[in-house]
């Protein structure tokens, strides 16, 4: 009985590790695609044992969003998916207000976090 539980837990750990590895590959691929376009910022709506969204955007020197992607990921036996994020492409990141956008709740939270990260980086660099 004990060894059955250990074997099942081990198999579950291996499966979760595989999906986590695939998610890491997707994130790396997103960075490879977005980095040539500009500086990449990200935000996430992370949750324990639920689907999470990671938002990525390539921003040029003037603050215009050149390209954006949304990664829908879950570590529980589902593959992560890279989705386009056309709602923010072409907008100015300095004046981007997530509250005015019509998005689902979790992608909206990821976008808010990305705006917070952008503001923190901007303040750190002294570009206020």
Protein backbone atom coordinates (compact mmCIF):
# COMPACT_ATOMS: atom_id res chain seq x y z
CA UNK A 1 0.00 0.00 0.00
CA UNK A 2 2.75 2.44 0.97
CA UNK A 3 4.74 1.72 -2.19
CA UNK A 4 1.65 2.14 -4.35
CA UNK A 5 1.23 5.66 -2.97
CA UNK A 6 4.91 6.42 -3.52
CA UNK A 7 4.73 5.18 -7.13
CA UNK A 8 1.57 7.18 -7.88
CA UNK A 9 3.08 10.31 -6.31
CA UNK A 10 6.26 9.79 -8.32
CA UNK A 11 4.35 9.42 -11.58
CA UNK A 12 2.30 12.52 -10.80
CA UNK A 13 5.53 14.44 -10.07
CA UNK A 14 7.05 13.29 -13.39
CA UNK A 15 3.94 14.36 -15.32
CA UNK A 16 3.83 17.76 -13.62
CA UNK A 17 7.55 18.22 -14.29
CA UNK A 18 6.98 17.56 -17.99
CA UNK A 19 4.23 20.17 -18.24
CA UNK A 20 6.32 22.65 -16.25
CA UNK A 21 9.22 22.05 -18.64
CA UNK A 22 6.97 22.66 -21.65
CA UNK A 23 5.76 25.91 -20.06
CA UNK A 24 9.38 26.99 -19.60
CA UNK A 25 10.06 26.27 -23.27
CA UNK A 26 7.05 28.37 -24.28
CA UNK A 27 8.24 31.30 -22.15
CA UNK A 28 11.71 31.05 -23.70
CA UNK A 29 10.19 31.00 -27.19
CA UNK A 30 8.08 34.07 -26.41
CA UNK A 31 11.20 35.95 -25.31
CA UNK A 32 13.03 34.87 -28.49
CA UNK A 33 10.20 36.28 -30.61
CA UNK A 34 9.65 39.50 -28.66
CA UNK A 35 13.21 40.57 -27.76
CA UNK A 36 14.19 41.75 -31.26
CA UNK A 37 11.17 44.08 -31.31
CA UNK A 38 12.01 45.93 -28.09
CA UNK A 39 12.37 45.65 -24.35
CA UNK A 40 10.16 42.87 -22.97
CA UNK A 41 7.95 43.35 -19.92
CA UNK A 42 5.80 40.70 -18.30
CA UNK A 43 3.07 40.26 -15.74
CA UNK A 44 1.28 37.26 -14.35
CA UNK A 45 -1.90 36.26 -12.65
CA UNK A 46 -0.48 33.35 -10.71
CA UNK A 47 -2.56 30.97 -8.71
CA UNK A 48 -2.06 27.73 -6.90
CA UNK A 49 -3.59 24.75 -8.71
CA UNK A 50 -5.48 26.84 -11.25
CA UNK A 51 -4.94 28.18 -14.71
CA UNK A 52 -2.70 31.20 -14.77
CA UNK A 53 -2.01 33.79 -17.40
CA UNK A 54 1.33 35.36 -18.21
CA UNK A 55 1.32 38.52 -20.29
CA UNK A 56 4.37 39.61 -22.33
CA UNK A 57 4.86 42.80 -24.35
CA UNK A 58 7.74 44.19 -26.41
CA UNK A 59 7.97 47.96 -25.95
CA UNK A 60 10.07 50.38 -27.99
CA UNK A 61 11.93 53.43 -26.62
CA UNK A 62 8.89 55.69 -27.03
CA UNK A 63 6.65 53.36 -25.04
CA UNK A 64 4.69 51.93 -27.98
CA UNK A 65 3.80 48.25 -27.68
CA UNK A 66 5.20 46.55 -30.78
CA UNK A 67 4.12 42.97 -30.09
CA UNK A 68 2.39 41.10 -27.27
CA UNK A 69 1.65 37.54 -26.28
CA UNK A 70 -0.45 35.85 -23.61
CA UNK A 71 0.53 32.47 -22.18
CA UNK A 72 -2.27 30.39 -20.68
CA UNK A 73 -0.65 27.83 -18.41
CA UNK A 74 -1.53 25.27 -15.81
CA UNK A 75 0.80 22.78 -14.17
CA UNK A 76 -1.94 20.21 -13.71
CA UNK A 77 -1.89 17.89 -16.72
CA UNK A 78 -2.64 20.49 -19.40
CA UNK A 79 -0.40 21.99 -22.04
CA UNK A 80 0.32 25.67 -21.93
CA UNK A 81 -0.90 27.71 -24.90
CA UNK A 82 0.62 30.80 -26.46
CA UNK A 83 -2.10 33.22 -27.52
CA UNK A 84 -1.80 36.50 -29.43
CA UNK A 85 -2.66 39.60 -27.45
CA UNK A 86 -3.81 42.10 -30.11
CA UNK A 87 -5.81 44.21 -27.65
CA UNK A 88 -2.69 46.06 -26.50
CA UNK A 89 -0.56 46.08 -29.66
CA UNK A 90 -0.01 49.60 -30.95
CA UNK A 91 -0.99 51.30 -27.71
CA UNK A 92 1.32 53.54 -25.71
CA UNK A 93 2.47 51.79 -22.55
CA UNK A 94 2.83 55.07 -20.64
CA UNK A 95 -0.88 55.79 -21.03
CA UNK A 96 -2.19 52.21 -21.00
CA UNK A 97 -5.13 51.81 -18.63
CA UNK A 98 -6.17 48.16 -18.17
CA UNK A 99 -9.45 49.21 -16.55
CA UNK A 100 -10.73 50.56 -19.89
CA UNK A 101 -10.10 47.27 -21.71
CA UNK A 102 -12.65 44.54 -22.21
CA UNK A 103 -10.84 41.37 -21.15
CA UNK A 104 -11.53 38.32 -19.05
CA UNK A 105 -10.70 38.66 -15.36
CA UNK A 106 -7.42 36.74 -15.23
CA UNK A 107 -5.80 38.18 -18.38
CA UNK A 108 -6.83 41.60 -17.07
CA UNK A 109 -5.04 40.92 -13.77
CA UNK A 110 -1.93 39.80 -15.66
CA UNK A 111 -2.04 43.01 -17.71
CA UNK A 112 -2.38 45.11 -14.54
CA UNK A 113 0.64 43.37 -13.07
CA UNK A 114 2.60 44.01 -16.27
CA UNK A 115 1.75 47.72 -16.08
CA UNK A 116 2.92 47.74 -12.45
CA UNK A 117 6.18 46.03 -13.44
CA UNK A 118 6.67 48.54 -16.26
CA UNK A 119 6.12 51.46 -13.89
CA UNK A 120 8.54 50.00 -11.34
CA UNK A 121 11.23 49.49 -14.01
CA UNK A 122 10.65 52.96 -15.39
CA UNK A 123 11.00 54.49 -11.91
CA UNK A 124 14.14 52.42 -11.26
CA UNK A 125 15.74 53.68 -14.48
CA UNK A 126 14.73 57.25 -13.71
CA UNK A 127 12.51 57.65 -16.77
CA UNK A 128 9.60 59.13 -14.83
